[in-house]
């Protein structure tokens, strides 16, 4: 959370009160977990990354198809017999 002050808790408090901390985070609060007063982790609400769909033709020029791509495969099948 930009501009908001995060709450600092020590590792023992975080382990003991994890459920409550998760509820606080879900409400928008940021929690910083510290070891011996030194911040080591930040507990923030998770949001999924945006799902983007490539525009038609976005891969143009990146995929090559061999000139003989659609040639009959009879010789290949004969070789496998």
PDB file of N, CA and C in Angstrom:
ATOM      1  N   UNK A   1       0.838  -1.177   0.000  1.00  0.00           N
ATOM      2  CA  UNK A   1       0.000   0.000   0.000  1.00  0.00           C
ATOM      3  C   UNK A   1       0.878   1.234   0.000  1.00  0.00           C
ATOM      4  N   UNK A   2       0.789   2.000  -1.008  1.00  0.00           N
ATOM      5  CA  UNK A   2       1.602   3.196  -1.136  1.00  0.00           C
ATOM      6  C   UNK A   2       1.112   4.245  -0.142  1.00  0.00           C
ATOM      7  N   UNK A   3       2.041   4.845   0.585  1.00  0.00           N
ATOM      8  CA  UNK A   3       1.692   5.937   1.475  1.00  0.00           C
ATOM      9  C   UNK A   3       1.158   5.498   2.831  1.00  0.00           C
ATOM     10  N   UNK A   4       0.720   4.284   2.978  1.00  0.00           N
ATOM     11  CA  UNK A   4       0.188   3.812   4.252  1.00  0.00           C
ATOM     12  C   UNK A   4       1.319   3.198   5.070  1.00  0.00           C
ATOM     13  N   UNK A   5       1.223   3.346   6.384  1.00  0.00           N
ATOM     14  CA  UNK A   5       2.248   2.793   7.256  1.00  0.00           C
ATOM     15  C   UNK A   5       1.946   1.316   7.494  1.00  0.00           C
ATOM     16  N   UNK A   6       2.953   0.495   7.297  1.00  0.00           N
ATOM     17  CA  UNK A   6       2.794  -0.940   7.512  1.00  0.00           C
ATOM     18  C   UNK A   6       2.974  -1.255   8.997  1.00  0.00           C
ATOM     19  N   UNK A   7       2.288  -2.275   9.444  1.00  0.00           N
ATOM     20  CA  UNK A   7       2.422  -2.716  10.831  1.00  0.00           C
ATOM     21  C   UNK A   7       3.591  -3.690  10.917  1.00  0.00           C
ATOM     22  N   UNK A   8       4.478  -3.490  11.872  1.00  0.00           N
ATOM     23  CA  UNK A   8       5.650  -4.336  12.066  1.00  0.00           C
ATOM     24  C   UNK A   8       5.354  -5.372  13.145  1.00  0.00           C
ATOM     25  N   UNK A   9       5.547  -6.646  12.812  1.00  0.00           N
ATOM     26  CA  UNK A   9       5.384  -7.728  13.795  1.00  0.00           C
ATOM     27  C   UNK A   9       6.627  -8.610  13.741  1.00  0.00           C
ATOM     28  N   UNK A  10       6.949  -9.226  14.880  1.00  0.00           N
ATOM     29  CA  UNK A  10       8.102 -10.126  14.871  1.00  0.00           C
ATOM     30  C   UNK A  10       7.672 -11.524  14.413  1.00  0.00           C
ATOM     31  N   UNK A  11       8.634 -12.356  14.129  1.00  0.00           N
ATOM     32  CA  UNK A  11       8.359 -13.689  13.585  1.00  0.00           C
ATOM     33  C   UNK A  11       7.458 -14.486  14.527  1.00  0.00           C
ATOM     34  N   UNK A  12       7.728 -14.435  15.815  1.00  0.00           N
ATOM     35  CA  UNK A  12       6.907 -15.191  16.774  1.00  0.00           C
ATOM     36  C   UNK A  12       5.459 -14.727  16.728  1.00  0.00           C
ATOM     37  N   UNK A  13       5.244 -13.411  16.699  1.00  0.00           N
ATOM     38  CA  UNK A  13       3.874 -12.885  16.602  1.00  0.00           C
ATOM     39  C   UNK A  13       3.221 -13.337  15.301  1.00  0.00           C
ATOM     40  N   UNK A  14       3.978 -13.318  14.215  1.00  0.00           N
ATOM     41  CA  UNK A  14       3.434 -13.707  12.913  1.00  0.00           C
ATOM     42  C   UNK A  14       2.999 -15.168  12.935  1.00  0.00           C
ATOM     43  N   UNK A  15       3.823 -16.035  13.526  1.00  0.00           N
ATOM     44  CA  UNK A  15       3.461 -17.459  13.591  1.00  0.00           C
ATOM     45  C   UNK A  15       2.244 -17.671  14.484  1.00  0.00           C
ATOM     46  N   UNK A  16       2.204 -16.957  15.594  1.00  0.00           N
ATOM     47  CA  UNK A  16       1.121 -17.138  16.558  1.00  0.00           C
ATOM     48  C   UNK A  16      -0.205 -16.578  16.059  1.00  0.00           C
ATOM     49  N   UNK A  17      -0.159 -15.469  15.313  1.00  0.00           N
ATOM     50  CA  UNK A  17      -1.377 -14.771  14.908  1.00  0.00           C
ATOM     51  C   UNK A  17      -1.552 -14.724  13.393  1.00  0.00           C
ATOM     52  N   UNK A  18      -1.084 -15.742  12.698  1.00  0.00           N
ATOM     53  CA  UNK A  18      -1.129 -15.723  11.237  1.00  0.00           C
ATOM     54  C   UNK A  18      -2.548 -15.540  10.699  1.00  0.00           C
ATOM     55  N   UNK A  19      -3.516 -16.243  11.244  1.00  0.00           N
ATOM     56  CA  UNK A  19      -4.893 -16.118  10.749  1.00  0.00           C
ATOM     57  C   UNK A  19      -5.388 -14.682  10.852  1.00  0.00           C
ATOM     58  N   UNK A  20      -5.123 -14.035  11.979  1.00  0.00           N
ATOM     59  CA  UNK A  20      -5.553 -12.646  12.160  1.00  0.00           C
ATOM     60  C   UNK A  20      -4.798 -11.728  11.206  1.00  0.00           C
ATOM     61  N   UNK A  21      -3.503 -11.963  11.021  1.00  0.00           N
ATOM     62  CA  UNK A  21      -2.719 -11.139  10.097  1.00  0.00           C
ATOM     63  C   UNK A  21      -3.248 -11.266   8.673  1.00  0.00           C
ATOM     64  N   UNK A  22      -3.636 -12.477   8.295  1.00  0.00           N
ATOM     65  CA  UNK A  22      -4.185 -12.677   6.955  1.00  0.00           C
ATOM     66  C   UNK A  22      -5.504 -11.929   6.781  1.00  0.00           C
ATOM     67  N   UNK A  23      -6.315 -11.909   7.811  1.00  0.00           N
ATOM     68  CA  UNK A  23      -7.560 -11.141   7.745  1.00  0.00           C
ATOM     69  C   UNK A  23      -7.268  -9.649   7.605  1.00  0.00           C
ATOM     70  N   UNK A  24      -6.265  -9.173   8.358  1.00  0.00           N
ATOM     71  CA  UNK A  24      -5.886  -7.758   8.276  1.00  0.00           C
ATOM     72  C   UNK A  24      -5.409  -7.412   6.869  1.00  0.00           C
ATOM     73  N   UNK A  25      -4.608  -8.292   6.295  1.00  0.00           N
ATOM     74  CA  UNK A  25      -4.086  -8.074   4.945  1.00  0.00           C
ATOM     75  C   UNK A  25      -5.230  -8.086   3.938  1.00  0.00           C
ATOM     76  N   UNK A  26      -6.177  -8.981   4.136  1.00  0.00           N
ATOM     77  CA  UNK A  26      -7.323  -9.068   3.231  1.00  0.00           C
ATOM     78  C   UNK A  26      -8.134  -7.768   3.260  1.00  0.00           C
ATOM     79  N   UNK A  27      -8.124  -7.082   4.389  1.00  0.00           N
ATOM     80  CA  UNK A  27      -8.821  -5.795   4.510  1.00  0.00           C
ATOM     81  C   UNK A  27      -7.986  -4.641   3.962  1.00  0.00           C
ATOM     82  N   UNK A  28      -6.773  -4.928   3.484  1.00  0.00           N
ATOM     83  CA  UNK A  28      -5.967  -3.892   2.863  1.00  0.00           C
ATOM     84  C   UNK A  28      -4.762  -3.431   3.656  1.00  0.00           C
ATOM     85  N   UNK A  29      -4.574  -3.967   4.849  1.00  0.00           N
ATOM     86  CA  UNK A  29      -3.419  -3.571   5.656  1.00  0.00           C
ATOM     87  C   UNK A  29      -2.159  -4.289   5.164  1.00  0.00           C
ATOM     88  N   UNK A  30      -1.031  -3.637   5.307  1.00  0.00           N
ATOM     89  CA  UNK A  30       0.255  -4.259   4.980  1.00  0.00           C
ATOM     90  C   UNK A  30       0.955  -4.599   6.285  1.00  0.00           C
ATOM     91  N   UNK A  31       1.525  -5.804   6.354  1.00  0.00           N
ATOM     92  CA  UNK A  31       2.214  -6.262   7.556  1.00  0.00           C
ATOM     93  C   UNK A  31       3.655  -6.572   7.179  1.00  0.00           C
ATOM     94  N   UNK A  32       4.583  -6.048   7.959  1.00  0.00           N
ATOM     95  CA  UNK A  32       5.996  -6.345   7.757  1.00  0.00           C
ATOM     96  C   UNK A  32       6.436  -7.271   8.882  1.00  0.00           C
ATOM     97  N   UNK A  33       7.056  -8.375   8.518  1.00  0.00           N
ATOM     98  CA  UNK A  33       7.537  -9.345   9.492  1.00  0.00           C
ATOM     99  C   UNK A  33       9.028  -9.102   9.694  1.00  0.00           C
ATOM    100  N   UNK A  34       9.424  -9.009  10.971  1.00  0.00           N
ATOM    101  CA  UNK A  34      10.806  -8.681  11.297  1.00  0.00           C
ATOM    102  C   UNK A  34      11.424  -9.746  12.192  1.00  0.00           C
ATOM    103  N   UNK A  35      12.735  -9.893  12.049  1.00  0.00           N
ATOM    104  CA  UNK A  35      13.510 -10.764  12.937  1.00  0.00           C
ATOM    105  C   UNK A  35      14.482  -9.847  13.673  1.00  0.00           C
ATOM    106  N   UNK A  36      14.376  -9.830  14.989  1.00  0.00           N
ATOM    107  CA  UNK A  36      15.221  -8.973  15.835  1.00  0.00           C
ATOM    108  C   UNK A  36      15.112  -7.503  15.400  1.00  0.00           C
ATOM    109  N   UNK A  37      13.902  -7.090  15.013  1.00  0.00           N
ATOM    110  CA  UNK A  37      13.666  -5.701  14.641  1.00  0.00           C
ATOM    111  C   UNK A  37      14.035  -5.338  13.215  1.00  0.00           C
ATOM    112  N   UNK A  38      14.617  -6.290  12.474  1.00  0.00           N
ATOM    113  CA  UNK A  38      15.007  -6.042  11.091  1.00  0.00           C
ATOM    114  C   UNK A  38      13.962  -6.636  10.149  1.00  0.00           C
ATOM    115  N   UNK A  39      13.321  -5.816   9.336  1.00  0.00           N
ATOM    116  CA  UNK A  39      12.304  -6.330   8.401  1.00  0.00           C
ATOM    117  C   UNK A  39      12.897  -7.381   7.462  1.00  0.00           C
ATOM    118  N   UNK A  40      12.171  -8.501   7.325  1.00  0.00           N
ATOM    119  CA  UNK A  40      12.634  -9.568   6.431  1.00  0.00           C
ATOM    120  C   UNK A  40      11.589  -9.956   5.393  1.00  0.00           C
ATOM    121  N   UNK A  41      10.333  -9.613   5.623  1.00  0.00           N
ATOM    122  CA  UNK A  41       9.286 -10.001   4.676  1.00  0.00           C
ATOM    123  C   UNK A  41       8.120  -9.023   4.782  1.00  0.00           C
ATOM    124  N   UNK A  42       7.379  -8.941   3.703  1.00  0.00           N
ATOM    125  CA  UNK A  42       6.203  -8.078   3.659  1.00  0.00           C
ATOM    126  C   UNK A  42       5.004  -8.936   3.301  1.00  0.00           C
ATOM    127  N   UNK A  43       3.968  -8.871   4.098  1.00  0.00           N
ATOM    128  CA  UNK A  43       2.746  -9.627   3.868  1.00  0.00           C
ATOM    129  C   UNK A  43       1.726  -8.666   3.273  1.00  0.00           C
ATOM    130  N   UNK A  44       1.369  -8.911   2.007  1.00  0.00           N
ATOM    131  CA  UNK A  44       0.426  -8.045   1.307  1.00  0.00           C
ATOM    132  C   UNK A  44      -0.631  -8.901   0.624  1.00  0.00           C
ATOM    133  N   UNK A  45      -1.715  -8.276   0.274  1.00  0.00           N
ATOM    134  CA  UNK A  45      -2.790  -8.976  -0.416  1.00  0.00           C
ATOM    135  C   UNK A  45      -2.317  -9.415  -1.796  1.00  0.00           C
ATOM    136  N   UNK A  46      -2.696 -10.599  -2.197  1.00  0.00           N
ATOM    137  CA  UNK A  46      -2.308 -11.153  -3.492  1.00  0.00           C
ATOM    138  C   UNK A  46      -3.367 -10.809  -4.524  1.00  0.00           C
ATOM    139  N   UNK A  47      -2.915 -10.458  -5.700  1.00  0.00           N
ATOM    140  CA  UNK A  47      -3.842 -10.257  -6.805  1.00  0.00           C
ATOM    141  C   UNK A  47      -3.261 -10.970  -8.022  1.00  0.00           C
ATOM    142  N   UNK A  48      -4.087 -11.682  -8.746  1.00  0.00           N
ATOM    143  CA  UNK A  48      -3.582 -12.432  -9.897  1.00  0.00           C
ATOM    144  C   UNK A  48      -3.087 -11.496 -10.984  1.00  0.00           C
ATOM    145  N   UNK A  49      -2.060 -11.925 -11.707  1.00  0.00           N
ATOM    146  CA  UNK A  49      -1.584 -11.079 -12.804  1.00  0.00           C
ATOM    147  C   UNK A  49      -2.655 -10.990 -13.880  1.00  0.00           C
ATOM    148  N   UNK A  50      -2.699  -9.883 -14.601  1.00  0.00           N
ATOM    149  CA  UNK A  50      -3.715  -9.755 -15.649  1.00  0.00           C
ATOM    150  C   UNK A  50      -3.482 -10.786 -16.751  1.00  0.00           C
ATOM    151  N   UNK A  51      -4.549 -11.382 -17.211  1.00  0.00           N
ATOM    152  CA  UNK A  51      -4.462 -12.369 -18.293  1.00  0.00           C
ATOM    153  C   UNK A  51      -4.589 -11.617 -19.609  1.00  0.00           C
ATOM    154  N   UNK A  52      -3.550 -11.685 -20.384  1.00  0.00           N
ATOM    155  CA  UNK A  52      -3.593 -10.975 -21.654  1.00  0.00           C
ATOM    156  C   UNK A  52      -3.652 -11.972 -22.803  1.00  0.00           C
ATOM    157  N   UNK A  53      -4.376 -11.610 -23.818  1.00  0.00           N
ATOM    158  CA  UNK A  53      -4.496 -12.433 -25.016  1.00  0.00           C
ATOM    159  C   UNK A  53      -3.800 -11.681 -26.145  1.00  0.00           C
ATOM    160  N   UNK A  54      -2.899 -12.366 -26.804  1.00  0.00           N
ATOM    161  CA  UNK A  54      -2.166 -11.733 -27.899  1.00  0.00           C
ATOM    162  C   UNK A  54      -3.123 -11.421 -29.048  1.00  0.00           C
ATOM    163  N   UNK A  55      -2.875 -10.317 -29.670  1.00  0.00           N
ATOM    164  CA  UNK A  55      -3.687  -9.906 -30.815  1.00  0.00           C
ATOM    165  C   UNK A  55      -3.420 -10.843 -31.990  1.00  0.00           C
ATOM    166  N   UNK A  56      -4.426 -11.075 -32.837  1.00  0.00           N
ATOM    167  CA  UNK A  56      -4.198 -11.908 -34.021  1.00  0.00           C
ATOM    168  C   UNK A  56      -3.018 -11.365 -34.833  1.00  0.00           C
ATOM    169  N   UNK A  57      -2.140 -12.261 -35.219  1.00  0.00           N
ATOM    170  CA  UNK A  57      -0.978 -11.884 -36.011  1.00  0.00           C
ATOM    171  C   UNK A  57       0.215 -11.441 -35.182  1.00  0.00           C
ATOM    172  N   UNK A  58       0.115 -11.515 -33.863  1.00  0.00           N
ATOM    173  CA  UNK A  58       1.201 -11.051 -33.004  1.00  0.00           C
ATOM    174  C   UNK A  58       2.482 -11.869 -33.188  1.00  0.00           C
ATOM    175  N   UNK A  59       2.366 -13.100 -33.654  1.00  0.00           N
ATOM    176  CA  UNK A  59       3.542 -13.959 -33.849  1.00  0.00           C
ATOM    177  C   UNK A  59       4.057 -13.901 -35.283  1.00  0.00           C
ATOM    178  N   UNK A  60       3.504 -13.020 -36.099  1.00  0.00           N
ATOM    179  CA  UNK A  60       3.930 -12.911 -37.495  1.00  0.00           C
ATOM    180  C   UNK A  60       5.436 -12.656 -37.557  1.00  0.00           C
ATOM    181  N   UNK A  61       6.114 -13.446 -38.394  1.00  0.00           N
ATOM    182  CA  UNK A  61       7.552 -13.300 -38.551  1.00  0.00           C
ATOM    183  C   UNK A  61       8.367 -14.096 -37.546  1.00  0.00           C
ATOM    184  N   UNK A  62       7.723 -14.722 -36.586  1.00  0.00           N
ATOM    185  CA  UNK A  62       8.433 -15.495 -35.568  1.00  0.00           C
ATOM    186  C   UNK A  62       8.300 -16.997 -35.774  1.00  0.00           C
ATOM    187  N   UNK A  63       7.365 -17.421 -36.594  1.00  0.00           N
ATOM    188  CA  UNK A  63       7.129 -18.842 -36.835  1.00  0.00           C
ATOM    189  C   UNK A  63       7.396 -19.116 -38.300  1.00  0.00           C
ATOM    190  N   UNK A  64       8.246 -20.096 -38.562  1.00  0.00           N
ATOM    191  CA  UNK A  64       8.565 -20.475 -39.939  1.00  0.00           C
ATOM    192  C   UNK A  64       7.948 -21.827 -40.249  1.00  0.00           C
ATOM    193  N   UNK A  65       7.408 -21.956 -41.450  1.00  0.00           N
ATOM    194  CA  UNK A  65       6.857 -23.220 -41.917  1.00  0.00           C
ATOM    195  C   UNK A  65       7.665 -23.646 -43.139  1.00  0.00           C
ATOM    196  N   UNK A  66       8.119 -24.891 -43.128  1.00  0.00           N
ATOM    197  CA  UNK A  66       8.913 -25.398 -44.249  1.00  0.00           C
ATOM    198  C   UNK A  66       8.075 -25.381 -45.523  1.00  0.00           C
ATOM    199  N   UNK A  67       8.753 -25.193 -46.646  1.00  0.00           N
ATOM    200  CA  UNK A  67       8.060 -25.155 -47.934  1.00  0.00           C
ATOM    201  C   UNK A  67       7.325 -26.459 -48.225  1.00  0.00           C
ATOM    202  N   UNK A  68       7.852 -27.591 -47.736  1.00  0.00           N
ATOM    203  CA  UNK A  68       7.231 -28.892 -48.007  1.00  0.00           C
ATOM    204  C   UNK A  68       6.314 -29.335 -46.856  1.00  0.00           C
ATOM    205  N   UNK A  69       5.868 -28.413 -46.049  1.00  0.00           N
ATOM    206  CA  UNK A  69       5.036 -28.721 -44.889  1.00  0.00           C
ATOM    207  C   UNK A  69       3.817 -29.571 -45.247  1.00  0.00           C
ATOM    208  N   UNK A  70       3.170 -29.265 -46.353  1.00  0.00           N
ATOM    209  CA  UNK A  70       1.930 -29.958 -46.701  1.00  0.00           C
ATOM    210  C   UNK A  70       2.114 -31.030 -47.767  1.00  0.00           C
ATOM    211  N   UNK A  71       3.347 -31.475 -47.979  1.00  0.00           N
ATOM    212  CA  UNK A  71       3.609 -32.554 -48.934  1.00  0.00           C
ATOM    213  C   UNK A  71       3.094 -33.880 -48.367  1.00  0.00           C
ATOM    214  N   UNK A  72       2.727 -34.825 -49.233  1.00  0.00           N
ATOM    215  CA  UNK A  72       2.270 -36.140 -48.756  1.00  0.00           C
ATOM    216  C   UNK A  72       3.355 -36.839 -47.935  1.00  0.00           C
ATOM    217  N   UNK A  73       2.939 -37.638 -46.979  1.00  0.00           N
ATOM    218  CA  UNK A  73       3.856 -38.333 -46.086  1.00  0.00           C
ATOM    219  C   UNK A  73       4.047 -39.814 -46.438  1.00  0.00           C
ATOM    220  N   UNK A  74       3.659 -40.207 -47.662  1.00  0.00           N
ATOM    221  CA  UNK A  74       3.723 -41.616 -48.039  1.00  0.00           C
ATOM    222  C   UNK A  74       5.110 -42.214 -47.811  1.00  0.00           C
ATOM    223  N   UNK A  75       6.158 -41.513 -48.194  1.00  0.00           N
ATOM    224  CA  UNK A  75       7.513 -42.049 -48.030  1.00  0.00           C
ATOM    225  C   UNK A  75       7.841 -42.240 -46.545  1.00  0.00           C
ATOM    226  N   UNK A  76       7.403 -41.349 -45.709  1.00  0.00           N
ATOM    227  CA  UNK A  76       7.655 -41.484 -44.274  1.00  0.00           C
ATOM    228  C   UNK A  76       7.005 -42.750 -43.745  1.00  0.00           C
ATOM    229  N   UNK A  77       5.746 -42.992 -44.116  1.00  0.00           N
ATOM    230  CA  UNK A  77       5.055 -44.177 -43.632  1.00  0.00           C
ATOM    231  C   UNK A  77       5.683 -45.450 -44.163  1.00  0.00           C
ATOM    232  N   UNK A  78       6.136 -45.422 -45.417  1.00  0.00           N
ATOM    233  CA  UNK A  78       6.819 -46.596 -45.993  1.00  0.00           C
ATOM    234  C   UNK A  78       8.102 -46.878 -45.215  1.00  0.00           C
ATOM    235  N   UNK A  79       8.815 -45.857 -44.814  1.00  0.00           N
ATOM    236  CA  UNK A  79      10.079 -46.045 -44.083  1.00  0.00           C
ATOM    237  C   UNK A  79       9.834 -46.625 -42.701  1.00  0.00           C
ATOM    238  N   UNK A  80       8.686 -46.367 -42.120  1.00  0.00           N
ATOM    239  CA  UNK A  80       8.397 -46.877 -40.785  1.00  0.00           C
ATOM    240  C   UNK A  80       7.894 -48.313 -40.780  1.00  0.00           C
ATOM    241  N   UNK A  81       7.561 -48.838 -41.909  1.00  0.00           N
ATOM    242  CA  UNK A  81       7.053 -50.225 -41.959  1.00  0.00           C
ATOM    243  C   UNK A  81       8.157 -51.218 -41.938  1.00  0.00           C
TER     244      UNK A  81
END
